[in-house]
Structure formats: C-alpha cells, structure tokens
Amino acid sequence: MILSTVTIGSLAWLAPPAAEPVPDLLALRVGRAETISQGTIENAVILIDGGQIVIVGEDLPIERGIPIIDLPDAVVMPGFVNCRSRLGLDSRAGTVSDPEVRVSDEIYPRTSDWTDVLEYGVTTIGLYPPGRGIAGLAAAIRPKGDSVDELLLADDCYLTMYIGADRSAKKLVRDAFEEVDKYMEKVEKAREKWQKDQDKKKKDDEKEAFEPPVPEPEVLPMLKLRTQELRAQFSISKAADYLHLLDVLESEADVLYDIQIDLRDDLDLFYISDQLGEAHTRVICDPEIIDHPGTRRARNLPAELHAAGAKVAFIPRSDSVTGNRDWLEDVAHMVAYGLDRQVALRAMTLEPAEALNVGALVGSIEAGKAANLLIFDGDPFEAQTELTAVMLEGEIVHGELDQ
C-alpha cells in the first residue's frame, strides 16, 4: 500500500489513500467544545487516535479517509471527574494512623455502581480508604473494566487525612511526621558509616554508591509528602479545624494539600475564605447553596471562595449513583446563583483531576489526554439539555452517534 501524508493543523500524518479509512483515527466535529484548559472553541474539530486526543481546534481541515462524526449542534466537554468517593466499596474503619493502606486493595472489578455512573458522564472516579485520622492512599479508576489492572488509572493519588480542633487529631499527624524524622536520622547515620567505609577504600573501583535504608511502609507516604511526591487531602468540618491544620503544618511548609469539607447551613468557612484564597488552596466540596448561620441569607460559598482566590473542585452531594446522576443539575444550580460558568465546568473536570494527580491524563480536552468526552445536545447547564453520548478513551460507552 502506498502511504500519503495527511496534514491536520500543524500535524502531519501518514495515511492510506483517500478511498480507504484511516485505522484508529477519528474526527469529531461539533458546534462547541468546552475544553476547560483552552476555554470555549466554536466549530471545534477534535482528532482522536487510539483513544487519545491528538489535536483540538476551530474549523481544522479533515483529510479524506478519516472517519468523521459530524454534530454541528452538539456541545462537547471532558468527562466528569469525581475525586472523592466510596462508591462500590463497603468497608469501614475508626480513627487510625494507616498511611500505607491502599484503597486499591479494596477494588472489586464487577461493581455495577461504576458502570451506572458512567452513563451519567462520570469517566474518572477517585476512591479513598475508610476511617478517620490518617486513613491511607486514594486511587483513580476508570469506571469500566473486567480486572483491577483495567480499572486502575493511577494509584497513590493522595493521602487521605482528617484534622480537627482537638489534641488527639493533631497528635496523630505530628507523630506520623516524627516517624519521618526518625527515619531521616537513620539515613544520616547510615550515610556517615558508608562514608567511613568509602574512605578506607583506596581504589575507586572498590567504592560503592550509597543506598539509604528502606523506610517502613507506614513512613513512606509521609516521607513522600515532605518531598512533594504525594499530596494530602485534609477533611475538616469547621473553620477552626483549618487553623489547627496550619498549626500542625507550621514546620512542614513543603507539604502540598487540598481541603475537603461538606457544605451545611451551620458552616463557618467564610471566616477563613480570605486565607484559603491567599494560599490558592483547592477546596473540595459539594455543590450546595447554604444559609448563613442563624439567618435565611443564602450563600454561594464556592463562588465566594473562587472570588477570594481559592480553587474549587466539586464532588456529588450524595456519594451514591443517584448523587452522581444529579451532580450536573446541582452544579447548574450553583451557576444560576452566581458561580462563574467556566469555574463550574472546571470544578467538575480539571480541578478534581488535579486533586487526584491525574490532570496530565484526564480533565480537559487537549492533546495527549484520554478522549473522555461528554456530548450534549445543548448547553450542559440548561435544564432541557440531554447527555446524548459518553465516550471513554475514544469508545462510545453510552448513547449512539451517527458516523
């Protein structure tokens, strides 16, 4: 077969002659693409190859031979990313310090809840381990697969931690970091011994590279927090908890973390919104309009947090299939009450993907990311709009599209 060069935008492809289809290549042409990372693109063309996005742009030329899905009235956005869920998992735990526990060990591949929420546009789920204190390591999954390996998108996504305005909660975290200090002392002693041994060796070929002691499993996640190889997700219940968190982390300035909180009418988080904003903290919360404590004054706290400079990531109001089904409608309610539309879209996609440390893989429509796409017949936040199709890594897994 003689190959010819196909040019898409600035990319050149080797393609068969025009009369034959191009294997694995697919062009999706839509009325509007909400890319998240590049804003809104009208008359967008998305080129997909082997389940990944190759390029996206406005009115890009499409060479003959590349299959086209032409949807001039459709709106496309990235699949929803739920970064904090226990959906499909059933174990429970108390207040513990188990940094080494991995939620991926709980995954049972044939859980129907995950495929159910995929129908509603949730294409990435962040699962976290049970319990309070230092509960363990979260994982990101694709909600479709017959084995753990097929489901698992990434492991050790964040360390799940809880902090409260009490001594025991703070002590749990401090003690865990003290174990890191002890390990570092062991490393230093081992290095000193190694250096003495090397000094006794006269020939370079007799010398050995230093190998630090292997940390205990429960120490490693805390060590990775210090080296920024891992981020923490701290759950709090009130403003005072955040102030105590700052106290605990006063000597741990390098730790990257997000805050998770359930919105409710007696919540006083607005007292620290400026502090959260100044630090550009990511706040993970449910899309809920709350009343100011003791009044009937409605507050759109996510909008206030964004205005202060904080980042907002949404999770469903209920950690259930129904909650995931209603998620988009609940976020639309926040937009109707003043939350910026682009902020709301990002809060369901790229921000939770970043919280899961998989922002390089999912969460926006851009080159190199998985083709996890939601196709609507209108604006996603309009009540009459329907989700007509869900694409997971280039495969239509819900709905149908004419090609």
Protein backbone atom coordinates (compact mmCIF):
# COMPACT_ATOMS: atom_id res chain seq x y z
CA MET A 1 0.00 0.00 0.00
CA ILE A 2 1.31 3.48 -0.88
CA LEU A 3 1.05 5.93 2.03
CA SER A 4 0.36 9.61 1.62
CA THR A 5 0.87 12.47 4.09
CA VAL A 6 -2.24 13.81 5.82
CA THR A 7 -1.96 17.24 7.42
CA ILE A 8 -4.24 18.18 10.31
CA GLY A 9 -3.49 21.68 11.50
CA SER A 10 0.23 21.65 12.26
CA LEU A 11 0.46 17.85 12.46
CA ALA A 12 1.44 15.57 9.60
CA TRP A 13 0.16 12.00 9.43
CA LEU A 14 0.89 9.04 7.20
CA ALA A 15 -2.42 7.86 5.89
CA PRO A 16 -3.64 5.36 3.30
CA PRO A 17 -5.05 6.66 0.01
CA ALA A 18 -8.19 8.77 0.37
CA ALA A 19 -10.58 5.99 -0.59
CA GLU A 20 -9.65 3.86 2.44
CA PRO A 21 -10.40 4.66 6.11
CA VAL A 22 -7.53 5.53 8.45
CA PRO A 23 -7.21 2.91 11.23
CA ASP A 24 -7.77 4.21 14.77
CA LEU A 25 -8.19 7.82 13.62
CA LEU A 26 -11.49 9.59 14.21
CA ALA A 27 -12.50 13.21 13.80
CA LEU A 28 -15.28 14.65 15.94
CA ARG A 29 -16.70 17.92 14.58
CA VAL A 30 -19.07 19.77 16.92
CA GLY A 31 -20.74 23.13 17.31
CA ARG A 32 -18.88 23.93 20.52
CA ALA A 33 -16.19 22.38 22.68
CA GLU A 34 -15.73 23.35 26.31
CA THR A 35 -12.07 22.41 26.52
CA ILE A 36 -11.54 23.73 30.09
CA SER A 37 -7.81 24.27 29.54
CA GLN A 38 -8.22 26.37 26.36
CA GLY A 39 -11.65 27.83 27.00
CA THR A 40 -14.56 27.55 24.58
CA ILE A 41 -13.88 26.66 20.94
CA GLU A 42 -16.67 27.20 18.43
CA ASN A 43 -16.98 24.90 15.41
CA ALA A 44 -14.44 22.62 17.02
CA VAL A 45 -12.70 19.63 15.50
CA ILE A 46 -11.25 17.00 17.83
CA LEU A 47 -8.94 14.42 16.29
CA ILE A 48 -8.75 11.15 18.22
CA ASP A 49 -6.19 8.41 17.68
CA GLY A 50 -6.26 5.14 19.63
CA GLY A 51 -8.35 6.61 22.45
CA GLN A 52 -6.25 9.75 22.88
CA ILE A 53 -6.83 13.31 21.76
CA VAL A 54 -4.31 14.34 19.12
CA ILE A 55 -5.39 17.91 18.46
CA VAL A 56 -8.36 20.22 19.01
CA GLY A 57 -9.04 23.49 17.25
CA GLU A 58 -11.53 25.64 15.42
CA ASP A 59 -12.51 24.63 11.87
CA LEU A 60 -9.50 22.37 11.40
CA PRO A 61 -9.31 20.73 7.95
CA ILE A 62 -10.01 17.00 7.91
CA GLU A 63 -8.35 14.91 5.22
CA ARG A 64 -10.40 12.42 3.25
CA GLY A 65 -10.25 8.91 4.59
CA ILE A 66 -10.54 9.94 8.23
CA PRO A 67 -13.94 8.92 9.66
CA ILE A 68 -15.95 11.93 10.82
CA ILE A 69 -18.67 12.25 13.41
CA ASP A 70 -20.37 15.48 12.42
CA LEU A 71 -22.55 17.06 15.13
CA PRO A 72 -22.99 20.75 14.28
CA ASP A 73 -25.46 21.40 17.12
CA ALA A 74 -23.63 19.44 19.82
CA VAL A 75 -21.65 20.71 22.78
CA VAL A 76 -18.72 18.59 23.97
CA MET A 77 -16.89 18.75 27.28
CA PRO A 78 -14.49 16.47 29.20
CA GLY A 79 -15.87 13.61 31.25
CA PHE A 80 -16.70 14.37 34.87
CA VAL A 81 -14.06 13.53 37.48
CA ASN A 82 -15.33 12.59 40.93
CA CYS A 83 -12.19 12.83 43.06
CA ARG A 84 -13.58 11.56 46.36
CA SER A 85 -15.88 8.56 46.58
CA ARG A 86 -16.52 5.30 48.40
CA LEU A 87 -18.90 4.16 45.70
CA GLY A 88 -18.76 0.39 45.24
CA LEU A 89 -16.75 -0.10 48.45
CA ASP A 90 -18.22 -1.20 51.75
CA SER A 91 -15.52 -1.45 54.45
CA ARG A 92 -15.43 0.80 57.49
CA ALA A 93 -12.73 1.85 59.96
CA GLY A 94 -12.29 4.01 63.04
CA THR A 95 -9.73 6.68 63.90
CA VAL A 96 -6.43 5.19 62.81
CA SER A 97 -2.99 6.04 61.52
CA ASP A 98 -2.54 3.81 58.49
CA PRO A 99 -0.77 5.93 55.86
CA GLU A 100 0.37 2.82 54.00
CA VAL A 101 -3.14 1.41 53.40
CA ARG A 102 -4.14 1.46 49.72
CA VAL A 103 -7.77 1.68 48.72
CA SER A 104 -6.84 -0.16 45.50
CA ASP A 105 -6.68 -3.33 47.59
CA GLU A 106 -10.45 -3.00 48.13
CA ILE A 107 -11.37 -2.78 44.45
CA TYR A 108 -13.73 -5.48 43.22
CA PRO A 109 -13.92 -5.29 39.41
CA ARG A 110 -17.53 -6.27 38.92
CA THR A 111 -19.18 -3.45 40.85
CA SER A 112 -22.19 -2.27 38.87
CA ASP A 113 -22.27 1.17 40.53
CA TRP A 114 -19.27 2.29 38.49
CA THR A 115 -20.78 1.45 35.13
CA ASP A 116 -24.04 3.03 36.29
CA VAL A 117 -22.40 6.41 36.96
CA LEU A 118 -20.53 6.20 33.65
CA GLU A 119 -23.93 6.55 32.00
CA TYR A 120 -24.24 9.95 33.70
CA GLY A 121 -20.88 11.17 32.43
CA VAL A 122 -18.54 10.26 35.30
CA THR A 123 -15.49 8.91 33.46
CA THR A 124 -12.96 9.01 36.34
CA ILE A 125 -13.57 8.12 39.99
CA GLY A 126 -11.24 8.81 42.90
CA LEU A 127 -11.67 6.19 45.61
CA TYR A 128 -10.39 6.83 49.12
CA PRO A 129 -9.86 4.45 52.06
CA PRO A 130 -12.25 4.39 55.04
CA GLY A 131 -11.63 5.68 58.52
CA ARG A 132 -10.57 8.91 60.18
CA GLY A 133 -7.16 10.06 61.27
CA ILE A 134 -4.63 9.13 58.57
CA ALA A 135 -6.74 6.72 56.57
CA GLY A 136 -4.44 5.85 53.66
CA LEU A 137 -3.89 6.25 49.94
CA ALA A 138 -6.53 7.04 47.33
CA ALA A 139 -6.69 5.67 43.78
CA ALA A 140 -8.19 6.80 40.48
CA ILE A 141 -10.16 4.35 38.37
CA ARG A 142 -11.86 4.16 35.02
CA PRO A 143 -15.45 3.06 35.70
CA LYS A 144 -15.24 0.24 33.16
CA GLY A 145 -13.08 -2.88 33.18
CA ASP A 146 -13.03 -6.60 33.96
CA SER A 147 -9.96 -6.57 36.20
CA VAL A 148 -8.26 -4.31 38.72
CA ASP A 149 -5.50 -3.59 36.20
CA GLU A 150 -8.06 -2.47 33.61
CA LEU A 151 -9.89 -0.28 36.12
CA LEU A 152 -6.88 1.31 37.79
CA LEU A 153 -5.88 4.62 36.21
CA ALA A 154 -3.44 5.64 38.97
CA ASP A 155 -2.56 4.52 42.49
CA ASP A 156 -1.35 6.54 45.48
CA CYS A 157 -3.16 9.64 44.20
CA TYR A 158 -3.38 11.43 47.55
CA LEU A 159 -3.10 10.66 51.24
CA THR A 160 -6.46 10.84 52.99
CA MET A 161 -6.20 12.68 56.30
CA TYR A 162 -8.60 14.19 58.83
CA ILE A 163 -7.86 17.08 61.14
CA GLY A 164 -9.96 18.57 63.92
CA ALA A 165 -9.65 21.18 66.62
CA ASP A 166 -8.55 18.63 69.21
CA ARG A 167 -5.23 17.40 70.56
CA SER A 168 -5.63 13.78 69.51
CA ALA A 169 -6.15 14.61 65.82
CA LYS A 170 -3.16 16.95 65.77
CA LYS A 171 -1.02 14.47 67.68
CA LEU A 172 -1.78 11.74 65.14
CA VAL A 173 -0.39 13.86 62.31
CA ARG A 174 2.58 15.16 64.29
CA ASP A 175 3.52 11.65 65.41
CA ALA A 176 3.47 10.47 61.81
CA PHE A 177 5.89 13.21 60.77
CA GLU A 178 8.09 12.41 63.78
CA GLU A 179 8.48 8.90 62.38
CA VAL A 180 9.86 10.53 59.23
CA ASP A 181 12.33 12.46 61.39
CA LYS A 182 13.48 9.20 62.97
CA TYR A 183 13.92 7.64 59.56
CA MET A 184 15.97 10.61 58.35
CA GLU A 185 18.23 10.20 61.41
CA LYS A 186 18.77 6.56 60.41
CA VAL A 187 19.64 7.69 56.90
CA GLU A 188 22.17 10.18 58.21
CA LYS A 189 23.83 7.58 60.45
CA ALA A 190 23.92 5.10 57.57
CA ARG A 191 25.48 7.76 55.34
CA GLU A 192 28.17 8.53 57.93
CA LYS A 193 29.03 4.83 58.23
CA TRP A 194 29.08 4.49 54.45
CA GLN A 195 31.41 7.47 54.13
CA LYS A 196 33.85 5.99 56.64
CA ASP A 197 33.83 2.70 54.74
CA GLN A 198 34.49 4.51 51.45
CA ASP A 199 37.38 6.47 52.95
CA LYS A 200 39.11 3.21 53.85
CA LYS A 201 38.99 2.02 50.24
CA LYS A 202 41.97 3.15 48.18
CA LYS A 203 40.76 2.18 44.74
CA ASP A 204 37.77 3.82 43.04
CA ASP A 205 36.52 0.50 41.71
CA GLU A 206 36.16 -0.73 45.28
CA LYS A 207 33.86 2.12 46.25
CA GLU A 208 30.09 1.68 46.31
CA ALA A 209 27.19 4.04 45.85
CA PHE A 210 25.24 4.98 48.97
CA GLU A 211 21.95 3.18 49.40
CA PRO A 212 19.72 4.65 52.11
CA PRO A 213 17.80 2.31 54.42
CA VAL A 214 14.39 1.28 53.14
CA PRO A 215 11.69 3.19 55.04
CA GLU A 216 8.95 1.30 56.82
CA PRO A 217 5.70 1.11 54.80
CA GLU A 218 3.89 3.48 57.17
CA VAL A 219 6.70 6.05 56.91
CA LEU A 220 6.96 6.18 53.13
CA PRO A 221 3.72 8.13 52.40
CA MET A 222 4.62 10.77 55.00
CA LEU A 223 8.11 10.99 53.54
CA LYS A 224 6.61 11.50 50.08
CA LEU A 225 4.50 14.35 51.47
CA ARG A 226 7.68 16.12 52.50
CA THR A 227 9.31 15.59 49.11
CA GLN A 228 6.12 16.64 47.26
CA GLU A 229 5.87 13.26 45.52
CA LEU A 230 2.44 12.97 47.11
CA ARG A 231 -0.20 15.44 48.23
CA ALA A 232 -2.57 15.24 51.17
CA GLN A 233 -6.30 15.73 51.23
CA PHE A 234 -7.37 17.01 54.65
CA SER A 235 -11.02 16.75 55.64
CA ILE A 236 -12.23 19.43 58.05
CA SER A 237 -15.64 20.30 59.49
CA LYS A 238 -15.27 23.95 60.53
CA ALA A 239 -13.01 26.98 60.22
CA ALA A 240 -11.19 26.23 63.48
CA ASP A 241 -10.04 22.90 62.07
CA TYR A 242 -8.19 24.71 59.30
CA LEU A 243 -6.41 26.94 61.79
CA HIS A 244 -5.29 23.86 63.72
CA LEU A 245 -4.11 22.33 60.44
CA LEU A 246 -1.94 25.38 59.80
CA ASP A 247 -0.51 24.92 63.28
CA VAL A 248 0.32 21.27 62.62
CA LEU A 249 1.94 22.09 59.27
CA GLU A 250 3.89 25.08 60.55
CA SER A 251 7.13 23.09 60.35
CA GLU A 252 6.04 21.19 57.22
CA ALA A 253 5.95 24.04 54.73
CA ASP A 254 6.69 21.81 51.73
CA VAL A 255 3.56 19.66 52.10
CA LEU A 256 1.06 20.04 49.26
CA TYR A 257 -2.54 19.63 50.31
CA ASP A 258 -6.20 20.22 49.48
CA ILE A 259 -9.10 20.80 51.85
CA GLN A 260 -12.30 18.76 51.76
CA ILE A 261 -15.44 19.90 53.53
CA ASP A 262 -19.16 19.14 53.46
CA LEU A 263 -21.23 22.29 52.99
CA ARG A 264 -24.05 22.79 55.51
CA ASP A 265 -26.04 25.69 56.97
CA ASP A 266 -24.04 25.96 60.21
CA LEU A 267 -20.69 26.05 58.39
CA ASP A 268 -18.43 28.98 59.27
CA LEU A 269 -15.85 28.51 56.50
CA PHE A 270 -16.46 32.06 55.24
CA TYR A 271 -14.37 33.28 58.17
CA ILE A 272 -11.25 31.82 56.54
CA SER A 273 -12.13 32.29 52.86
CA ASP A 274 -9.53 35.06 52.52
CA GLN A 275 -6.81 32.83 53.98
CA LEU A 276 -7.76 29.98 51.67
CA GLY A 277 -7.77 32.39 48.75
CA GLU A 278 -4.38 33.93 49.56
CA ALA A 279 -2.87 30.43 49.65
CA HIS A 280 -4.75 29.44 46.44
CA THR A 281 -5.92 26.36 48.32
CA ARG A 282 -8.07 23.87 46.47
CA VAL A 283 -11.34 23.30 48.33
CA ILE A 284 -13.22 20.10 47.54
CA CYS A 285 -16.90 20.39 48.38
CA ASP A 286 -20.40 19.51 47.28
CA PRO A 287 -22.46 21.94 45.15
CA GLU A 288 -24.74 23.33 47.82
CA ILE A 289 -26.29 26.73 48.49
CA ILE A 290 -26.22 27.20 52.26
CA ASP A 291 -27.83 29.65 54.65
CA HIS A 292 -25.67 31.92 56.74
CA PRO A 293 -25.71 30.52 60.30
CA GLY A 294 -28.74 31.74 62.22
CA THR A 295 -30.26 33.51 59.21
CA ARG A 296 -32.05 32.85 55.94
CA ARG A 297 -29.42 34.63 53.91
CA ALA A 298 -28.33 32.31 51.11
CA ARG A 299 -24.60 31.98 50.48
CA ASN A 300 -22.88 30.55 47.43
CA LEU A 301 -19.72 29.61 49.30
CA PRO A 302 -17.92 28.10 46.28
CA ALA A 303 -18.42 31.40 44.41
CA GLU A 304 -17.09 33.30 47.43
CA LEU A 305 -14.07 31.02 47.66
CA HIS A 306 -13.30 31.48 43.97
CA ALA A 307 -13.63 35.25 44.29
CA ALA A 308 -11.15 35.15 47.18
CA GLY A 309 -8.61 33.27 45.04
CA ALA A 310 -9.18 29.66 46.13
CA LYS A 311 -9.65 26.79 43.70
CA VAL A 312 -12.92 24.85 43.75
CA ALA A 313 -13.46 21.18 42.98
CA PHE A 314 -16.93 19.69 43.23
CA ILE A 315 -17.98 16.22 44.32
CA PRO A 316 -21.60 14.97 44.22
CA ARG A 317 -23.87 15.96 47.10
CA SER A 318 -24.54 12.29 47.78
CA ASP A 319 -21.93 9.55 47.40
CA SER A 320 -24.32 7.31 45.51
CA VAL A 321 -25.39 6.52 41.97
CA THR A 322 -28.28 8.97 42.41
CA GLY A 323 -25.91 11.67 43.65
CA ASN A 324 -23.71 11.24 40.57
CA ARG A 325 -26.81 11.32 38.36
CA ASP A 326 -27.91 14.64 39.85
CA TRP A 327 -24.41 16.12 40.01
CA LEU A 328 -24.59 18.24 36.86
CA GLU A 329 -28.03 19.60 37.78
CA ASP A 330 -26.76 20.54 41.25
CA VAL A 331 -23.77 22.38 39.76
CA ALA A 332 -26.11 24.15 37.31
CA HIS A 333 -27.98 25.39 40.37
CA MET A 334 -24.74 26.93 41.65
CA VAL A 335 -24.26 28.70 38.30
CA ALA A 336 -27.79 30.07 38.50
CA TYR A 337 -26.87 31.51 41.91
CA GLY A 338 -23.83 33.32 40.60
CA LEU A 339 -20.92 30.87 40.24
CA ASP A 340 -18.91 31.62 37.10
CA ARG A 341 -19.79 29.13 34.38
CA GLN A 342 -16.20 28.28 33.44
CA VAL A 343 -15.30 27.84 37.11
CA ALA A 344 -18.21 25.42 37.48
CA LEU A 345 -17.13 23.38 34.44
CA ARG A 346 -13.56 23.25 35.70
CA ALA A 347 -14.78 22.24 39.17
CA MET A 348 -16.25 19.03 37.71
CA THR A 349 -13.32 18.18 35.47
CA LEU A 350 -9.79 19.56 35.66
CA GLU A 351 -9.71 20.66 39.32
CA PRO A 352 -10.74 17.25 40.68
CA ALA A 353 -8.36 15.63 38.19
CA GLU A 354 -5.54 17.76 39.63
CA ALA A 355 -6.63 16.81 43.15
CA LEU A 356 -6.22 13.18 42.09
CA ASN A 357 -2.84 13.93 40.48
CA VAL A 358 -4.14 12.70 37.10
CA GLY A 359 -4.53 16.12 35.48
CA ALA A 360 -1.97 15.12 32.84
CA LEU A 361 -4.24 12.25 31.78
CA VAL A 362 -7.83 13.49 32.05
CA GLY A 363 -9.93 16.53 32.92
CA SER A 364 -9.68 18.67 29.79
CA ILE A 365 -9.84 18.42 26.01
CA GLU A 366 -6.25 18.80 24.88
CA ALA A 367 -3.57 16.89 23.04
CA GLY A 368 -2.18 13.86 24.83
CA LYS A 369 -5.13 13.29 27.15
CA ALA A 370 -7.66 10.48 27.10
CA ALA A 371 -10.62 11.03 24.82
CA ASN A 372 -13.11 11.01 27.71
CA LEU A 373 -15.83 13.16 26.21
CA LEU A 374 -19.43 14.04 27.00
CA ILE A 375 -21.65 15.00 24.09
CA PHE A 376 -24.71 17.13 24.82
CA ASP A 377 -27.46 18.35 22.50
CA GLY A 378 -27.19 21.84 24.01
CA ASP A 379 -25.62 23.80 26.83
CA PRO A 380 -24.77 21.38 29.69
CA PHE A 381 -26.23 23.73 32.30
CA GLU A 382 -29.60 24.20 30.58
CA ALA A 383 -32.43 22.17 32.10
CA GLN A 384 -33.72 20.85 28.77
CA THR A 385 -30.31 19.67 27.57
CA GLU A 386 -29.67 15.93 27.34
CA LEU A 387 -26.45 13.96 27.51
CA THR A 388 -26.62 12.06 24.23
CA ALA A 389 -23.37 10.10 24.37
CA VAL A 390 -20.42 9.30 26.64
CA MET A 391 -17.01 8.49 25.19
CA LEU A 392 -14.43 6.71 27.31
CA GLU A 393 -10.91 6.63 25.87
CA GLY A 394 -12.28 7.01 22.35
CA GLU A 395 -15.05 4.40 22.72
CA ILE A 396 -18.74 5.26 22.85
CA VAL A 397 -19.89 3.55 26.05
CA HIS A 398 -23.30 5.21 26.37
CA GLY A 399 -25.67 6.51 23.74
CA GLU A 400 -25.24 6.41 20.00
CA LEU A 401 -23.75 8.75 17.42
CA ASP A 402 -24.23 8.68 13.67
CA GLN A 403 -20.92 8.48 11.91
